Amino acid sequence: MTRMIHDTRSVAADLLDELGPIIAGERAAFAQRCHERSVSMTHLLLMTLLETHGPLPMSRVAELLGCGLPTATGIVSRMEERGLVERQHDSEDRRVVTLSLSQEGAIEIRELQLSRRERMATALTHLSEPEREQLLASVRSLRAAFNRANSQGDNA
């Protein structure tokens, strides 16, 4: 039993040693693409939240961003000026403001996602077809293992 745990930890360390620089490099490249498009990480986070959850009240936006309502309002105002988000006032209570992703914001997210895919496709051209198939199968297995571990509460 000790040998298996040791081997598993050794493989985990090796995987993280190999994946770490790839993830860090891709994160930096993605941040650079966002910067070139004048999309801050906060703007990206908020657009992603709106894309995932749909329209959100401003109070929830502030909570999810981990800031006060005045700060969230300033962030949203800048995003609204760029056409990335839209504010709607509640018809019954004008104090209640809901934020949604605009069509322009959705396009921005799609274009950033596309740039990530293009970068991955470029890297994959340096692998043979069998290597690409093996890599995809291995990553799918790893994802399934994480899903099983998470569902069993293995959050160590």
N, C-alpha and C. Protein backbone atom coordinates (compact mmCIF):
# COMPACT_ATOMS: atom_id res chain seq x y z
N MET A 1 0.83 -1.20 0.00
CA MET A 1 0.00 0.00 0.00
C MET A 1 0.87 1.25 0.00
N THR A 2 1.90 1.28 0.82
CA THR A 2 2.78 2.45 0.87
C THR A 2 3.45 2.68 -0.48
N ARG A 3 3.83 1.61 -1.14
CA ARG A 3 4.49 1.72 -2.45
C ARG A 3 3.56 2.38 -3.47
N MET A 4 2.28 1.97 -3.48
CA MET A 4 1.33 2.53 -4.43
C MET A 4 1.11 4.03 -4.17
N ILE A 5 0.97 4.41 -2.89
CA ILE A 5 0.80 5.82 -2.57
C ILE A 5 2.03 6.60 -3.01
N HIS A 6 3.19 6.03 -2.74
CA HIS A 6 4.44 6.70 -3.14
C HIS A 6 4.49 6.87 -4.66
N ASP A 7 4.16 5.81 -5.38
CA ASP A 7 4.18 5.89 -6.84
C ASP A 7 3.17 6.92 -7.34
N THR A 8 1.98 6.92 -6.76
CA THR A 8 0.95 7.87 -7.17
C THR A 8 1.41 9.30 -6.92
N ARG A 9 2.01 9.53 -5.77
CA ARG A 9 2.51 10.88 -5.46
C ARG A 9 3.66 11.26 -6.38
N SER A 10 4.49 10.31 -6.72
CA SER A 10 5.61 10.57 -7.62
C SER A 10 5.10 10.94 -9.02
N VAL A 11 4.11 10.20 -9.49
CA VAL A 11 3.52 10.50 -10.80
C VAL A 11 2.82 11.85 -10.75
N ALA A 12 2.12 12.14 -9.65
CA ALA A 12 1.46 13.44 -9.51
C ALA A 12 2.48 14.57 -9.58
N ALA A 13 3.60 14.39 -8.89
CA ALA A 13 4.65 15.42 -8.91
C ALA A 13 5.21 15.58 -10.31
N ASP A 14 5.45 14.47 -10.99
CA ASP A 14 5.97 14.54 -12.36
C ASP A 14 4.98 15.22 -13.29
N LEU A 15 3.69 14.88 -13.16
CA LEU A 15 2.66 15.51 -14.00
C LEU A 15 2.62 17.02 -13.76
N LEU A 16 2.63 17.41 -12.49
CA LEU A 16 2.59 18.84 -12.19
C LEU A 16 3.84 19.55 -12.68
N ASP A 17 4.99 18.87 -12.59
CA ASP A 17 6.23 19.46 -13.11
C ASP A 17 6.15 19.68 -14.62
N GLU A 18 5.47 18.77 -15.32
CA GLU A 18 5.34 18.90 -16.78
C GLU A 18 4.23 19.88 -17.17
N LEU A 19 3.10 19.79 -16.48
CA LEU A 19 1.96 20.63 -16.84
C LEU A 19 2.09 22.06 -16.34
N GLY A 20 2.75 22.24 -15.21
CA GLY A 20 2.88 23.57 -14.62
C GLY A 20 3.38 24.63 -15.58
N PRO A 21 4.52 24.39 -16.23
CA PRO A 21 5.02 25.40 -17.17
C PRO A 21 4.10 25.64 -18.36
N ILE A 22 3.42 24.60 -18.82
CA ILE A 22 2.47 24.76 -19.93
C ILE A 22 1.31 25.65 -19.48
N ILE A 23 0.75 25.33 -18.33
CA ILE A 23 -0.39 26.11 -17.81
C ILE A 23 0.03 27.55 -17.56
N ALA A 24 1.18 27.74 -16.93
CA ALA A 24 1.66 29.11 -16.65
C ALA A 24 1.90 29.88 -17.95
N GLY A 25 2.49 29.23 -18.93
CA GLY A 25 2.75 29.88 -20.21
C GLY A 25 1.47 30.25 -20.94
N GLU A 26 0.51 29.34 -20.92
CA GLU A 26 -0.77 29.62 -21.58
C GLU A 26 -1.55 30.70 -20.85
N ARG A 27 -1.47 30.68 -19.52
CA ARG A 27 -2.14 31.72 -18.73
C ARG A 27 -1.55 33.09 -19.07
N ALA A 28 -0.22 33.16 -19.16
CA ALA A 28 0.44 34.43 -19.49
C ALA A 28 0.09 34.88 -20.91
N ALA A 29 0.07 33.94 -21.85
CA ALA A 29 -0.28 34.29 -23.24
C ALA A 29 -1.73 34.76 -23.32
N PHE A 30 -2.62 34.12 -22.57
CA PHE A 30 -4.02 34.52 -22.58
C PHE A 30 -4.18 35.90 -21.95
N ALA A 31 -3.47 36.14 -20.85
CA ALA A 31 -3.53 37.46 -20.21
C ALA A 31 -3.03 38.54 -21.18
N GLN A 32 -2.01 38.22 -21.95
CA GLN A 32 -1.49 39.17 -22.94
C GLN A 32 -2.54 39.46 -24.02
N ARG A 33 -3.22 38.41 -24.48
CA ARG A 33 -4.28 38.61 -25.49
C ARG A 33 -5.40 39.47 -24.93
N CYS A 34 -5.75 39.23 -23.67
CA CYS A 34 -6.78 40.06 -23.02
C CYS A 34 -6.31 41.51 -22.95
N HIS A 35 -5.07 41.71 -22.55
CA HIS A 35 -4.51 43.06 -22.45
C HIS A 35 -4.55 43.76 -23.82
N GLU A 36 -4.17 43.04 -24.86
CA GLU A 36 -4.18 43.60 -26.22
C GLU A 36 -5.58 44.02 -26.64
N ARG A 37 -6.58 43.33 -26.11
CA ARG A 37 -7.98 43.64 -26.45
C ARG A 37 -8.61 44.58 -25.41
N SER A 38 -7.79 45.06 -24.48
CA SER A 38 -8.24 45.97 -23.40
C SER A 38 -9.33 45.33 -22.54
N VAL A 39 -9.17 44.04 -22.27
CA VAL A 39 -10.08 43.32 -21.38
C VAL A 39 -9.29 42.95 -20.13
N SER A 40 -9.67 43.55 -19.00
CA SER A 40 -8.97 43.23 -17.75
C SER A 40 -9.42 41.85 -17.26
N MET A 41 -8.65 41.29 -16.35
CA MET A 41 -9.02 39.99 -15.78
C MET A 41 -10.35 40.09 -15.02
N THR A 42 -10.59 41.23 -14.39
CA THR A 42 -11.87 41.44 -13.70
C THR A 42 -13.01 41.47 -14.71
N HIS A 43 -12.81 42.16 -15.82
CA HIS A 43 -13.85 42.21 -16.86
C HIS A 43 -14.10 40.80 -17.41
N LEU A 44 -13.03 40.06 -17.65
CA LEU A 44 -13.17 38.70 -18.16
C LEU A 44 -13.94 37.83 -17.16
N LEU A 45 -13.58 37.94 -15.89
CA LEU A 45 -14.28 37.17 -14.85
C LEU A 45 -15.77 37.50 -14.85
N LEU A 46 -16.09 38.76 -14.87
CA LEU A 46 -17.50 39.16 -14.83
C LEU A 46 -18.25 38.70 -16.08
N MET A 47 -17.65 38.85 -17.25
CA MET A 47 -18.31 38.39 -18.48
C MET A 47 -18.52 36.88 -18.43
N THR A 48 -17.55 36.14 -17.91
CA THR A 48 -17.67 34.69 -17.81
C THR A 48 -18.78 34.31 -16.83
N LEU A 49 -18.85 35.02 -15.71
CA LEU A 49 -19.93 34.76 -14.74
C LEU A 49 -21.30 35.00 -15.37
N LEU A 50 -21.42 36.09 -16.11
CA LEU A 50 -22.70 36.41 -16.76
C LEU A 50 -23.03 35.40 -17.85
N GLU A 51 -22.02 34.95 -18.56
CA GLU A 51 -22.24 33.94 -19.60
C GLU A 51 -22.72 32.63 -18.96
N THR A 52 -22.14 32.28 -17.83
CA THR A 52 -22.45 31.02 -17.16
C THR A 52 -23.79 31.07 -16.42
N HIS A 53 -24.01 32.14 -15.66
CA HIS A 53 -25.18 32.22 -14.78
C HIS A 53 -26.34 33.02 -15.35
N GLY A 54 -26.11 33.76 -16.42
CA GLY A 54 -27.16 34.63 -16.94
C GLY A 54 -27.19 35.92 -16.16
N PRO A 55 -28.23 36.73 -16.36
CA PRO A 55 -28.32 38.03 -15.68
C PRO A 55 -28.23 37.90 -14.16
N LEU A 56 -27.52 38.85 -13.55
CA LEU A 56 -27.32 38.85 -12.11
C LEU A 56 -27.63 40.22 -11.52
N PRO A 57 -28.21 40.25 -10.32
CA PRO A 57 -28.40 41.55 -9.66
C PRO A 57 -27.03 42.13 -9.28
N MET A 58 -26.95 43.45 -9.27
CA MET A 58 -25.68 44.12 -8.97
C MET A 58 -25.13 43.72 -7.61
N SER A 59 -25.99 43.48 -6.64
CA SER A 59 -25.51 43.05 -5.32
C SER A 59 -24.77 41.72 -5.41
N ARG A 60 -25.27 40.82 -6.24
CA ARG A 60 -24.61 39.51 -6.43
C ARG A 60 -23.32 39.69 -7.21
N VAL A 61 -23.29 40.59 -8.17
CA VAL A 61 -22.07 40.89 -8.93
C VAL A 61 -20.98 41.34 -7.97
N ALA A 62 -21.31 42.26 -7.08
CA ALA A 62 -20.34 42.75 -6.10
C ALA A 62 -19.83 41.61 -5.23
N GLU A 63 -20.74 40.77 -4.80
CA GLU A 63 -20.37 39.62 -3.96
C GLU A 63 -19.43 38.68 -4.70
N LEU A 64 -19.75 38.35 -5.94
CA LEU A 64 -18.92 37.43 -6.73
C LEU A 64 -17.55 38.02 -7.06
N LEU A 65 -17.50 39.33 -7.22
CA LEU A 65 -16.22 39.99 -7.49
C LEU A 65 -15.43 40.24 -6.21
N GLY A 66 -16.07 40.05 -5.07
CA GLY A 66 -15.39 40.25 -3.80
C GLY A 66 -15.10 41.72 -3.50
N CYS A 67 -16.04 42.57 -3.85
CA CYS A 67 -15.85 44.01 -3.62
C CYS A 67 -17.17 44.63 -3.19
N GLY A 68 -17.11 45.89 -2.82
CA GLY A 68 -18.32 46.59 -2.43
C GLY A 68 -19.13 47.01 -3.64
N LEU A 69 -20.38 47.37 -3.39
CA LEU A 69 -21.27 47.78 -4.47
C LEU A 69 -20.74 49.01 -5.23
N PRO A 70 -20.18 50.02 -4.56
CA PRO A 70 -19.64 51.17 -5.31
C PRO A 70 -18.50 50.78 -6.27
N THR A 71 -17.63 49.87 -5.82
CA THR A 71 -16.53 49.42 -6.68
C THR A 71 -17.08 48.63 -7.86
N ALA A 72 -18.03 47.72 -7.59
CA ALA A 72 -18.65 46.94 -8.67
C ALA A 72 -19.35 47.85 -9.66
N THR A 73 -20.00 48.89 -9.17
CA THR A 73 -20.69 49.84 -10.04
C THR A 73 -19.70 50.53 -10.97
N GLY A 74 -18.53 50.90 -10.45
CA GLY A 74 -17.50 51.53 -11.29
C GLY A 74 -16.99 50.58 -12.36
N ILE A 75 -16.75 49.33 -11.98
CA ILE A 75 -16.29 48.32 -12.95
C ILE A 75 -17.34 48.15 -14.05
N VAL A 76 -18.58 48.00 -13.64
CA VAL A 76 -19.67 47.79 -14.59
C VAL A 76 -19.85 49.00 -15.49
N SER A 77 -19.70 50.20 -14.95
CA SER A 77 -19.83 51.41 -15.78
C SER A 77 -18.81 51.42 -16.91
N ARG A 78 -17.58 51.07 -16.59
CA ARG A 78 -16.53 51.02 -17.63
C ARG A 78 -16.85 49.94 -18.67
N MET A 79 -17.35 48.81 -18.21
CA MET A 79 -17.70 47.74 -19.14
C MET A 79 -18.89 48.13 -20.00
N GLU A 80 -19.84 48.81 -19.40
CA GLU A 80 -21.03 49.26 -20.14
C GLU A 80 -20.64 50.28 -21.21
N GLU A 81 -19.70 51.17 -20.89
CA GLU A 81 -19.22 52.15 -21.88
C GLU A 81 -18.63 51.46 -23.10
N ARG A 82 -18.00 50.30 -22.89
CA ARG A 82 -17.41 49.54 -24.00
C ARG A 82 -18.43 48.63 -24.67
N GLY A 83 -19.63 48.57 -24.14
CA GLY A 83 -20.67 47.74 -24.74
C GLY A 83 -20.58 46.27 -24.38
N LEU A 84 -19.83 45.92 -23.33
CA LEU A 84 -19.64 44.52 -22.97
C LEU A 84 -20.78 43.96 -22.12
N VAL A 85 -21.44 44.84 -21.37
CA VAL A 85 -22.55 44.42 -20.51
C VAL A 85 -23.69 45.42 -20.63
N GLU A 86 -24.85 45.01 -20.15
CA GLU A 86 -26.02 45.89 -20.17
C GLU A 86 -26.68 45.85 -18.80
N ARG A 87 -27.12 47.02 -18.34
CA ARG A 87 -27.85 47.13 -17.07
C ARG A 87 -29.33 47.29 -17.37
N GLN A 88 -30.15 46.62 -16.58
CA GLN A 88 -31.60 46.77 -16.69
C GLN A 88 -32.13 47.11 -15.30
N HIS A 89 -32.98 48.12 -15.25
CA HIS A 89 -33.64 48.49 -13.99
C HIS A 89 -34.94 47.72 -13.88
N ASP A 90 -35.23 47.24 -12.69
CA ASP A 90 -36.46 46.52 -12.42
C ASP A 90 -37.65 47.45 -12.67
N SER A 91 -38.67 46.96 -13.35
CA SER A 91 -39.82 47.81 -13.69
C SER A 91 -40.63 48.21 -12.46
N GLU A 92 -40.59 47.39 -11.41
CA GLU A 92 -41.36 47.70 -10.20
C GLU A 92 -40.54 48.46 -9.16
N ASP A 93 -39.24 48.21 -9.13
CA ASP A 93 -38.37 48.88 -8.16
C ASP A 93 -37.10 49.33 -8.88
N ARG A 94 -37.05 50.59 -9.27
CA ARG A 94 -35.94 51.12 -10.08
C ARG A 94 -34.60 51.03 -9.36
N ARG A 95 -34.61 50.82 -8.04
CA ARG A 95 -33.35 50.68 -7.31
C ARG A 95 -32.67 49.35 -7.61
N VAL A 96 -33.44 48.37 -8.04
CA VAL A 96 -32.91 47.04 -8.34
C VAL A 96 -32.37 47.05 -9.77
N VAL A 97 -31.08 46.76 -9.89
CA VAL A 97 -30.41 46.76 -11.19
C VAL A 97 -29.89 45.36 -11.47
N THR A 98 -30.19 44.86 -12.65
CA THR A 98 -29.71 43.55 -13.08
C THR A 98 -28.72 43.74 -14.22
N LEU A 99 -27.66 42.96 -14.18
CA LEU A 99 -26.61 43.06 -15.19
C LEU A 99 -26.63 41.83 -16.08
N SER A 100 -26.49 42.04 -17.38
CA SER A 100 -26.42 40.91 -18.31
C SER A 100 -25.29 41.14 -19.31
N LEU A 101 -24.86 40.05 -19.91
CA LEU A 101 -23.82 40.10 -20.93
C LEU A 101 -24.45 40.62 -22.22
N SER A 102 -23.82 41.59 -22.84
CA SER A 102 -24.32 42.11 -24.11
C SER A 102 -23.88 41.20 -25.25
N GLN A 103 -24.43 41.44 -26.41
CA GLN A 103 -24.01 40.68 -27.59
C GLN A 103 -22.53 40.91 -27.86
N GLU A 104 -22.07 42.16 -27.69
CA GLU A 104 -20.65 42.48 -27.89
C GLU A 104 -19.78 41.74 -26.87
N GLY A 105 -20.24 41.64 -25.63
CA GLY A 105 -19.50 40.91 -24.60
C GLY A 105 -19.40 39.43 -24.94
N ALA A 106 -20.49 38.85 -25.44
CA ALA A 106 -20.49 37.44 -25.83
C ALA A 106 -19.52 37.21 -26.99
N ILE A 107 -19.47 38.14 -27.93
CA ILE A 107 -18.54 38.04 -29.06
C ILE A 107 -17.10 38.10 -28.54
N GLU A 108 -16.84 39.00 -27.61
CA GLU A 108 -15.50 39.15 -27.04
C GLU A 108 -15.04 37.84 -26.39
N ILE A 109 -15.92 37.22 -25.61
CA ILE A 109 -15.57 35.95 -24.97
C ILE A 109 -15.30 34.88 -26.02
N ARG A 110 -16.16 34.79 -27.04
CA ARG A 110 -15.97 33.78 -28.10
C ARG A 110 -14.64 33.98 -28.81
N GLU A 111 -14.28 35.23 -29.09
CA GLU A 111 -13.02 35.49 -29.79
C GLU A 111 -11.82 35.13 -28.92
N LEU A 112 -11.90 35.39 -27.63
CA LEU A 112 -10.81 35.00 -26.73
C LEU A 112 -10.71 33.48 -26.63
N GLN A 113 -11.85 32.80 -26.56
CA GLN A 113 -11.84 31.34 -26.53
C GLN A 113 -11.28 30.77 -27.82
N LEU A 114 -11.64 31.38 -28.94
CA LEU A 114 -11.13 30.94 -30.23
C LEU A 114 -9.61 31.09 -30.29
N SER A 115 -9.09 32.17 -29.75
CA SER A 115 -7.63 32.36 -29.77
C SER A 115 -6.94 31.28 -28.95
N ARG A 116 -7.56 30.85 -27.86
CA ARG A 116 -7.00 29.74 -27.06
C ARG A 116 -6.99 28.45 -27.87
N ARG A 117 -8.10 28.19 -28.56
CA ARG A 117 -8.19 26.96 -29.36
C ARG A 117 -7.17 26.96 -30.49
N GLU A 118 -7.01 28.12 -31.12
CA GLU A 118 -6.04 28.22 -32.21
C GLU A 118 -4.62 27.95 -31.71
N ARG A 119 -4.30 28.47 -30.54
CA ARG A 119 -2.98 28.25 -29.96
C ARG A 119 -2.76 26.77 -29.66
N MET A 120 -3.79 26.11 -29.13
CA MET A 120 -3.70 24.68 -28.86
C MET A 120 -3.54 23.90 -30.16
N ALA A 121 -4.32 24.25 -31.17
CA ALA A 121 -4.24 23.56 -32.46
C ALA A 121 -2.84 23.70 -33.06
N THR A 122 -2.26 24.87 -32.93
CA THR A 122 -0.91 25.09 -33.45
C THR A 122 0.09 24.17 -32.75
N ALA A 123 -0.01 24.09 -31.43
CA ALA A 123 0.91 23.22 -30.68
C ALA A 123 0.71 21.76 -31.07
N LEU A 124 -0.54 21.36 -31.28
CA LEU A 124 -0.83 19.96 -31.60
C LEU A 124 -0.34 19.55 -32.98
N THR A 125 -0.09 20.51 -33.86
CA THR A 125 0.46 20.15 -35.17
C THR A 125 1.85 19.55 -35.05
N HIS A 126 2.49 19.73 -33.90
CA HIS A 126 3.83 19.19 -33.68
C HIS A 126 3.80 17.77 -33.12
N LEU A 127 2.61 17.21 -32.99
CA LEU A 127 2.45 15.82 -32.57
C LEU A 127 1.89 15.01 -33.72
N SER A 128 2.23 13.73 -33.75
CA SER A 128 1.66 12.84 -34.76
C SER A 128 0.20 12.56 -34.40
N GLU A 129 -0.54 12.03 -35.37
CA GLU A 129 -1.94 11.70 -35.09
C GLU A 129 -2.07 10.70 -33.94
N PRO A 130 -1.27 9.62 -33.91
CA PRO A 130 -1.37 8.71 -32.76
C PRO A 130 -1.03 9.40 -31.43
N GLU A 131 -0.08 10.32 -31.44
CA GLU A 131 0.25 11.05 -30.21
C GLU A 131 -0.92 11.93 -29.77
N ARG A 132 -1.57 12.57 -30.73
CA ARG A 132 -2.73 13.41 -30.40
C ARG A 132 -3.86 12.57 -29.81
N GLU A 133 -4.11 11.40 -30.43
CA GLU A 133 -5.16 10.51 -29.93
C GLU A 133 -4.84 10.02 -28.53
N GLN A 134 -3.58 9.65 -28.30
CA GLN A 134 -3.17 9.16 -26.98
C GLN A 134 -3.28 10.28 -25.94
N LEU A 135 -2.87 11.48 -26.31
CA LEU A 135 -2.95 12.62 -25.40
C LEU A 135 -4.40 12.89 -25.01
N LEU A 136 -5.29 12.92 -25.99
CA LEU A 136 -6.70 13.18 -25.72
C LEU A 136 -7.29 12.11 -24.82
N ALA A 137 -6.99 10.85 -25.09
CA ALA A 137 -7.50 9.76 -24.25
C ALA A 137 -6.97 9.88 -22.83
N SER A 138 -5.71 10.22 -22.68
CA SER A 138 -5.12 10.36 -21.35
C SER A 138 -5.73 11.52 -20.58
N VAL A 139 -5.94 12.64 -21.25
CA VAL A 139 -6.53 13.80 -20.58
C VAL A 139 -7.97 13.50 -20.18
N ARG A 140 -8.69 12.78 -21.03
CA ARG A 140 -10.07 12.39 -20.67
C ARG A 140 -10.07 11.48 -19.45
N SER A 141 -9.11 10.56 -19.39
CA SER A 141 -9.00 9.67 -18.22
C SER A 141 -8.68 10.47 -16.97
N LEU A 142 -7.79 11.44 -17.09
CA LEU A 142 -7.43 12.28 -15.94
C LEU A 142 -8.63 13.09 -15.47
N ARG A 143 -9.37 13.64 -16.42
CA ARG A 143 -10.57 14.41 -16.07
C ARG A 143 -11.58 13.53 -15.34
N ALA A 144 -11.78 12.32 -15.82
CA ALA A 144 -12.71 11.39 -15.18
C ALA A 144 -12.23 11.05 -13.76
N ALA A 145 -10.92 10.88 -13.59
CA ALA A 145 -10.37 10.59 -12.26
C ALA A 145 -10.62 11.76 -11.31
N PHE A 146 -10.44 12.98 -11.79
CA PHE A 146 -10.72 14.16 -10.96
C PHE A 146 -12.20 14.22 -10.61
N ASN A 147 -13.07 13.93 -11.56
CA ASN A 147 -14.51 13.93 -11.30
C ASN A 147 -14.88 12.91 -10.23
N ARG A 148 -14.29 11.72 -10.32
CA ARG A 148 -14.56 10.68 -9.31
C ARG A 148 -14.04 11.12 -7.94
N ALA A 149 -12.83 11.65 -7.91
CA ALA A 149 -12.24 12.10 -6.64
C ALA A 149 -13.09 13.22 -6.02
N ASN A 150 -13.53 14.15 -6.85
CA ASN A 150 -14.34 15.26 -6.35
C ASN A 150 -15.70 14.78 -5.84
N SER A 151 -16.30 13.82 -6.54
CA SER A 151 -17.61 13.32 -6.12
C SER A 151 -17.52 12.51 -4.83
N GLN A 152 -16.35 11.96 -4.55
CA GLN A 152 -16.15 11.19 -3.32
C GLN A 152 -15.61 12.06 -2.19
N GLY A 153 -15.44 13.34 -2.46
CA GLY A 153 -14.97 14.25 -1.42
C GLY A 153 -13.49 14.17 -1.16
N ASP A 154 -12.71 13.68 -2.11
CA ASP A 154 -11.25 13.59 -1.97
C ASP A 154 -10.63 14.94 -2.30
N ASN A 155 -10.80 15.91 -1.43
CA ASN A 155 -10.31 17.26 -1.70
C ASN A 155 -9.03 17.56 -0.95
N ALA A 156 -8.24 16.56 -0.66
CA ALA A 156 -7.01 16.76 0.13
C ALA A 156 -6.05 17.70 -0.53
